[in-house]
Amino acid sequence: MANFTAVLRAEPIFFTTEYNVIKIFIYHLWVCILIFGMASNTVSIMVFAKIGFRDNVTVTLLFLSVSDLLNLILKCTWTATYFILANHPQYIWPFDPLILRSVFFWPAYVFYDFSSFISVFLALARCVCVARPLRFKSMFTTSRTAIILVILFLVALAFRIPVMTIFRLTWGVNPMTNSTYRSIWVTDNFRQVYKANDIFNRNIVSWVAYITATTCVFILVFKLQEASRFRQAMQNKRHEVETENEKSAEPADKPKGDINPGAKTQKRVHNLSAKDLQDGVQGCSERQLYQELAPNPDGISSIRSQGAHVMGMCASHQ
């Protein structure tokens, strides 16, 4: 048991080098993320300000860019503090470095929570835009969107006020210079406040925001699939109607006796030579020509016109 305890105590010392390497890598990566984030959010703010507050989407994205930018700026203070303490431990501070690490830490997380709330609001707005497209513009107006975003910021601030009120500025003694300087201390109940903050803000609020955004995504996907099925059904219905109209426009089935024997007669006439046509016309009466070429007894007038047509064809062949 003693050996096992000794191994457990020696294990952190064994991984000290690896921990420092990873810490340095993550720190440099974090600095690059800060610089890129501040630059990109600054450009976004300039673009949205140039576009103007025309719709609720532009207003929401502008608030999101400002919140992210302020979050990164506040995080730069305690990031610089960590850098100085890690690389220049002998640096003489004019004040207690815990002021930068503690006072600016929680306001940064206020804007972090605010950005999360804005993302959830965007997901909700997109969901309503698809689920209730006709009422979307009347529900999410520009002024109403701005009011909702301000309320969300106040909610994020109220959630972090308890943990920000445990810090107090006081006077302390700098052990390196043996002089007094501004320091910070925390109240006696700071452990309980930290625990409550972790339970509420880092668990309950985060999970509620995550579940809300996920639910909006599922509703959005379902509504889009439903709209796609509706459009496909309407297209199929339209195709069926067009097909029925085309069928109704076609003539009905012909009876046993052809209504118009002209086509059949003309086909038979074209198969005869010019001499046969002339002999047939001259040697047959109208009744005989009718019985030969058109079996329909009611088509006398049609046969007369066909006889004239036959005579014309004979003249053209000659």
Protein backbone atom coordinates (compact mmCIF):
# COMPACT_ATOMS: atom_id res chain seq x y z
CA MET A 1 0.00 0.00 0.00
CA ALA A 2 2.83 2.36 0.80
CA ASN A 3 4.46 1.66 -2.55
CA PHE A 4 1.17 2.32 -4.36
CA THR A 5 0.79 5.63 -2.55
CA ALA A 6 4.34 6.55 -3.45
CA VAL A 7 3.69 5.80 -7.10
CA LEU A 8 0.58 7.95 -7.09
CA ARG A 9 2.48 10.81 -5.56
CA ALA A 10 5.38 10.45 -7.99
CA GLU A 11 3.17 10.22 -11.08
CA PRO A 12 2.48 13.97 -11.41
CA ILE A 13 6.22 14.63 -11.12
CA PHE A 14 6.90 12.11 -13.86
CA PHE A 15 4.52 13.90 -16.27
CA THR A 16 5.64 17.42 -15.38
CA THR A 17 7.63 17.88 -18.59
CA GLU A 18 4.82 16.62 -20.78
CA TYR A 19 2.33 18.83 -18.95
CA ASN A 20 4.49 21.92 -19.45
CA VAL A 21 4.94 21.18 -23.16
CA ILE A 22 1.21 20.75 -23.69
CA LYS A 23 0.54 23.86 -21.62
CA ILE A 24 2.93 25.95 -23.73
CA PHE A 25 1.42 24.59 -26.97
CA ILE A 26 -2.15 25.27 -25.84
CA TYR A 27 -1.17 28.75 -24.68
CA HIS A 28 0.33 29.71 -28.05
CA LEU A 29 -2.67 28.20 -29.84
CA TRP A 30 -4.97 30.20 -27.56
CA VAL A 31 -3.11 33.42 -28.38
CA CYS A 32 -3.56 32.76 -32.10
CA ILE A 33 -7.27 32.13 -31.55
CA LEU A 34 -7.60 35.40 -29.62
CA ILE A 35 -5.90 37.42 -32.35
CA PHE A 36 -7.89 35.81 -35.15
CA GLY A 37 -11.16 36.15 -33.22
CA MET A 38 -10.68 39.84 -32.47
CA ALA A 39 -9.72 40.62 -36.07
CA SER A 40 -12.60 38.67 -37.62
CA ASN A 41 -15.21 40.07 -35.22
CA THR A 42 -13.97 43.61 -35.87
CA VAL A 43 -14.41 43.09 -39.61
CA SER A 44 -17.88 41.61 -39.02
CA ILE A 45 -18.94 44.60 -36.94
CA MET A 46 -17.79 46.99 -39.66
CA VAL A 47 -19.68 45.04 -42.34
CA PHE A 48 -22.91 44.83 -40.34
CA ALA A 49 -22.73 48.49 -39.39
CA LYS A 50 -22.31 49.39 -43.06
CA ILE A 51 -25.30 47.24 -44.04
CA GLY A 52 -27.50 48.90 -41.43
CA PHE A 53 -30.25 47.60 -39.17
CA ARG A 54 -32.53 46.48 -41.97
CA ASP A 55 -33.77 43.18 -40.56
CA ASN A 56 -33.64 41.08 -37.42
CA VAL A 57 -30.87 38.82 -38.74
CA THR A 58 -28.44 41.72 -39.21
CA VAL A 59 -29.21 43.06 -35.74
CA THR A 60 -28.71 39.64 -34.16
CA LEU A 61 -25.40 39.00 -35.92
CA LEU A 62 -24.17 42.47 -34.97
CA PHE A 63 -24.94 41.81 -31.29
CA LEU A 64 -23.20 38.44 -31.56
CA SER A 65 -20.06 39.97 -33.07
CA VAL A 66 -19.89 42.69 -30.40
CA SER A 67 -20.37 40.14 -27.63
CA ASP A 68 -17.66 37.84 -28.98
CA LEU A 69 -15.26 40.77 -29.41
CA LEU A 70 -15.76 41.98 -25.82
CA ASN A 71 -15.38 38.45 -24.55
CA LEU A 72 -12.03 38.05 -26.30
CA ILE A 73 -10.78 41.49 -25.19
CA LEU A 74 -11.52 40.73 -21.54
CA LYS A 75 -9.87 37.34 -21.85
CA CYS A 76 -6.73 39.01 -23.19
CA THR A 77 -6.14 40.61 -19.78
CA TRP A 78 -5.85 37.43 -17.77
CA THR A 79 -4.15 35.66 -20.69
CA ALA A 80 -1.42 38.32 -20.54
CA THR A 81 -1.30 37.88 -16.75
CA TYR A 82 -0.71 34.14 -17.11
CA PHE A 83 2.00 34.81 -19.67
CA ILE A 84 3.86 37.25 -17.42
CA LEU A 85 3.60 35.02 -14.36
CA ALA A 86 4.79 31.95 -16.29
CA ASN A 87 7.68 33.57 -18.16
CA HIS A 88 8.66 36.45 -15.88
CA PRO A 89 8.04 35.34 -12.32
CA GLN A 90 10.38 38.05 -10.96
CA TYR A 91 8.39 40.87 -12.49
CA ILE A 92 7.43 43.49 -9.89
CA TRP A 93 3.74 44.20 -10.19
CA PRO A 94 2.36 47.60 -9.21
CA PHE A 95 -0.77 45.77 -8.00
CA ASP A 96 -1.78 42.23 -7.21
CA PRO A 97 -1.99 40.22 -10.48
CA LEU A 98 -5.01 38.41 -9.08
CA ILE A 99 -6.99 41.56 -9.88
CA LEU A 100 -6.59 40.92 -13.59
CA ARG A 101 -7.11 37.20 -13.21
CA SER A 102 -10.27 37.50 -11.11
CA VAL A 103 -11.96 40.82 -11.81
CA PHE A 104 -11.92 40.48 -15.63
CA PHE A 105 -12.47 36.73 -15.68
CA TRP A 106 -16.16 36.66 -14.81
CA PRO A 107 -17.25 39.65 -16.92
CA ALA A 108 -15.70 37.81 -19.86
CA TYR A 109 -17.95 34.87 -19.11
CA VAL A 110 -20.97 37.18 -19.01
CA PHE A 111 -20.39 37.92 -22.68
CA TYR A 112 -19.63 34.24 -23.27
CA ASP A 113 -23.06 33.33 -21.92
CA PHE A 114 -24.62 36.18 -23.87
CA SER A 115 -23.14 34.82 -27.10
CA SER A 116 -24.55 31.39 -26.26
CA PHE A 117 -28.00 32.90 -25.69
CA ILE A 118 -27.78 34.73 -29.02
CA SER A 119 -26.93 31.45 -30.78
CA VAL A 120 -29.99 29.81 -29.23
CA PHE A 121 -32.10 32.80 -30.27
CA LEU A 122 -30.84 32.48 -33.84
CA ALA A 123 -31.74 28.79 -33.87
CA LEU A 124 -35.21 29.61 -32.54
CA ALA A 125 -35.70 32.37 -35.13
CA ARG A 126 -34.72 30.06 -38.00
CA CYS A 127 -37.06 27.40 -36.67
CA VAL A 128 -39.99 29.83 -36.53
CA CYS A 129 -39.10 31.13 -40.01
CA VAL A 130 -39.60 27.64 -41.44
CA ALA A 131 -42.45 26.49 -39.17
CA ARG A 132 -44.46 29.76 -39.34
CA PRO A 133 -43.27 31.56 -42.48
CA LEU A 134 -46.31 33.82 -42.80
CA ARG A 135 -46.08 35.13 -39.23
CA PHE A 136 -42.30 35.32 -38.95
CA LYS A 137 -41.82 38.96 -39.97
CA SER A 138 -44.61 40.16 -37.72
CA MET A 139 -43.21 38.22 -34.77
CA PHE A 140 -39.48 38.98 -35.18
CA THR A 141 -39.37 42.66 -36.05
CA THR A 142 -36.16 44.68 -35.81
CA SER A 143 -37.17 46.60 -32.69
CA ARG A 144 -38.55 43.50 -30.99
CA THR A 145 -35.35 41.60 -31.76
CA ALA A 146 -33.21 44.35 -30.23
CA ILE A 147 -35.35 44.34 -27.07
CA ILE A 148 -35.08 40.55 -26.76
CA LEU A 149 -31.30 40.69 -27.14
CA VAL A 150 -30.99 43.36 -24.44
CA ILE A 151 -33.11 41.19 -22.13
CA LEU A 152 -30.87 38.20 -22.85
CA PHE A 153 -27.81 40.25 -21.90
CA LEU A 154 -29.42 41.29 -18.62
CA VAL A 155 -30.25 37.65 -17.91
CA ALA A 156 -26.66 36.59 -18.58
CA LEU A 157 -25.42 39.38 -16.30
CA ALA A 158 -27.84 38.41 -13.54
CA PHE A 159 -26.68 34.80 -13.64
CA ARG A 160 -23.05 35.87 -13.02
CA ILE A 161 -23.63 38.66 -10.48
CA PRO A 162 -23.35 36.36 -7.40
CA VAL A 163 -19.93 35.10 -8.37
CA MET A 164 -18.72 38.61 -9.27
CA THR A 165 -19.70 40.08 -5.90
CA ILE A 166 -17.42 37.88 -3.79
CA PHE A 167 -14.33 39.93 -4.69
CA ARG A 168 -13.22 42.99 -2.72
CA LEU A 169 -10.38 45.39 -3.32
CA THR A 170 -8.04 45.95 -0.38
CA TRP A 171 -4.49 46.85 0.44
CA GLY A 172 -1.84 44.17 0.62
CA VAL A 173 1.90 43.86 1.06
CA ASN A 174 4.15 42.99 -1.83
CA PRO A 175 6.61 40.38 -0.50
CA MET A 176 9.20 41.24 -3.13
CA THR A 177 9.35 44.97 -2.36
CA ASN A 178 7.92 44.95 1.17
CA SER A 179 5.56 47.73 0.17
CA THR A 180 1.80 48.08 0.10
CA TYR A 181 -0.14 47.77 -3.11
CA ARG A 182 -3.66 47.13 -4.27
CA SER A 183 -4.73 43.56 -3.69
CA ILE A 184 -7.93 41.54 -3.75
CA TRP A 185 -9.63 39.21 -1.33
CA VAL A 186 -12.71 37.06 -1.45
CA THR A 187 -15.59 36.64 0.96
CA ASP A 188 -15.82 33.71 3.32
CA ASN A 189 -18.61 32.03 1.36
CA PHE A 190 -16.74 32.02 -1.95
CA ARG A 191 -16.61 28.20 -2.05
CA GLN A 192 -20.38 27.90 -1.79
CA VAL A 193 -20.84 30.61 -4.43
CA TYR A 194 -18.42 28.86 -6.77
CA LYS A 195 -20.24 25.57 -6.29
CA ALA A 196 -23.64 27.13 -6.94
CA ASN A 197 -22.24 28.90 -10.00
CA ASP A 198 -20.88 25.65 -11.38
CA ILE A 199 -24.15 23.80 -10.83
CA PHE A 200 -26.40 26.49 -12.24
CA ASN A 201 -24.41 28.27 -14.97
CA ARG A 202 -22.08 25.53 -16.14
CA ASN A 203 -24.63 22.72 -16.01
CA ILE A 204 -28.30 23.73 -15.87
CA VAL A 205 -28.11 26.83 -18.09
CA SER A 206 -25.70 25.19 -20.53
CA TRP A 207 -27.84 22.07 -20.88
CA VAL A 208 -31.06 24.05 -21.29
CA ALA A 209 -29.45 26.12 -24.05
CA TYR A 210 -28.06 23.00 -25.71
CA ILE A 211 -31.38 21.12 -25.57
CA THR A 212 -33.28 24.16 -26.87
CA ALA A 213 -30.93 24.61 -29.82
CA THR A 214 -30.99 20.89 -30.61
CA THR A 215 -34.81 20.80 -30.46
CA CYS A 216 -34.98 23.75 -32.86
CA VAL A 217 -32.68 21.94 -35.27
CA PHE A 218 -34.85 18.80 -35.21
CA ILE A 219 -38.01 20.84 -35.76
CA LEU A 220 -36.30 22.71 -38.60
CA VAL A 221 -35.26 19.47 -40.30
CA PHE A 222 -38.74 17.95 -39.85
CA LYS A 223 -40.48 21.02 -41.30
CA LEU A 224 -38.11 21.15 -44.26
CA GLN A 225 -38.73 17.48 -45.02
CA GLU A 226 -42.48 18.03 -44.69
CA ALA A 227 -42.33 20.99 -47.08
CA SER A 228 -40.30 18.92 -49.52
CA ARG A 229 -42.86 16.08 -49.43
CA PHE A 230 -45.68 18.59 -49.94
CA ARG A 231 -43.98 20.11 -52.99
CA GLN A 232 -43.36 16.64 -54.42
CA ALA A 233 -47.01 15.67 -53.90
CA MET A 234 -48.18 18.86 -55.60
CA GLN A 235 -45.90 18.21 -58.55
CA ASN A 236 -47.23 14.67 -58.88
CA LYS A 237 -50.81 15.94 -58.68
CA ARG A 238 -50.12 18.54 -61.34
CA HIS A 239 -48.61 15.89 -63.59
CA GLU A 240 -51.69 13.68 -63.15
CA VAL A 241 -54.01 16.57 -63.99
CA GLU A 242 -52.01 17.42 -67.12
CA THR A 243 -52.08 13.77 -68.19
CA GLU A 244 -55.86 13.60 -67.73
CA ASN A 245 -56.31 16.81 -69.71
CA GLU A 246 -54.23 15.42 -72.56
CA LYS A 247 -56.27 12.22 -72.60
CA SER A 248 -59.56 14.13 -72.59
CA ALA A 249 -58.38 16.25 -75.50
CA GLU A 250 -57.79 13.14 -77.67
CA PRO A 251 -60.77 11.89 -79.89
CA ALA A 252 -62.82 8.97 -78.67
CA ASP A 253 -62.44 5.50 -80.10
CA LYS A 254 -63.64 5.29 -83.70
CA PRO A 255 -66.75 3.17 -84.40
CA LYS A 256 -66.83 0.20 -86.73
CA GLY A 257 -67.78 2.44 -89.62
CA ASP A 258 -65.13 5.10 -90.15
CA ILE A 259 -66.48 8.59 -89.60
CA ASN A 260 -63.98 10.08 -91.99
CA PRO A 261 -63.07 7.60 -94.72
CA GLY A 262 -60.96 10.19 -96.48
CA ALA A 263 -57.68 9.01 -95.03
CA LYS A 264 -58.36 5.39 -95.90
CA THR A 265 -59.59 6.31 -99.38
CA GLN A 266 -56.63 8.56 -99.99
CA LYS A 267 -54.27 5.77 -98.98
CA ARG A 268 -55.92 3.39 -101.45
CA VAL A 269 -55.84 6.02 -104.19
CA HIS A 270 -52.15 6.67 -103.71
CA ASN A 271 -51.44 2.98 -104.11
CA LEU A 272 -52.99 3.00 -107.62
CA SER A 273 -51.31 4.14 -110.81
CA ALA A 274 -52.53 7.12 -112.81
CA LYS A 275 -54.05 4.94 -115.55
CA ASP A 276 -55.89 2.76 -113.06
CA LEU A 277 -57.27 5.81 -111.32
CA GLN A 278 -58.55 7.32 -114.58
CA ASP A 279 -60.06 4.04 -115.77
CA GLY A 280 -61.69 3.45 -112.45
CA VAL A 281 -63.23 6.87 -112.31
CA GLN A 282 -64.49 6.74 -115.89
CA GLY A 283 -65.73 3.12 -115.72
CA CYS A 284 -67.53 3.28 -112.37
CA SER A 285 -70.50 5.19 -111.27
CA GLU A 286 -70.53 7.22 -108.11
CA ARG A 287 -72.26 4.38 -106.26
CA GLN A 288 -69.70 1.86 -107.46
CA LEU A 289 -66.77 4.09 -106.46
CA TYR A 290 -68.37 4.55 -103.07
CA GLN A 291 -68.75 0.79 -102.58
CA GLU A 292 -65.16 0.17 -103.68
CA LEU A 293 -63.36 2.82 -101.72
CA ALA A 294 -65.62 3.87 -98.83
CA PRO A 295 -67.75 1.22 -97.13
CA ASN A 296 -69.62 3.88 -95.12
CA PRO A 297 -73.06 4.33 -96.85
CA ASP A 298 -73.56 7.74 -95.31
CA GLY A 299 -70.44 9.30 -96.83
CA ILE A 300 -71.88 10.27 -100.25
CA SER A 301 -70.77 13.85 -99.99
CA SER A 302 -67.35 12.74 -98.87
CA ILE A 303 -67.06 10.42 -101.86
CA ARG A 304 -67.92 13.22 -104.23
CA SER A 305 -65.14 15.35 -102.86
CA GLN A 306 -62.83 12.34 -103.01
CA GLY A 307 -63.78 11.80 -106.65
CA ALA A 308 -62.77 15.34 -107.45
CA HIS A 309 -59.55 14.75 -105.56
CA VAL A 310 -58.94 11.55 -107.55
CA MET A 311 -59.45 13.41 -110.80
CA GLY A 312 -56.98 16.00 -109.74
CA MET A 313 -54.45 13.33 -108.91
CA CYS A 314 -54.97 11.74 -112.30
CA ALA A 315 -54.28 15.04 -114.01
CA SER A 316 -51.13 15.53 -111.93
CA HIS A 317 -49.88 12.02 -112.81
CA GLN A 318 -50.43 12.66 -116.49
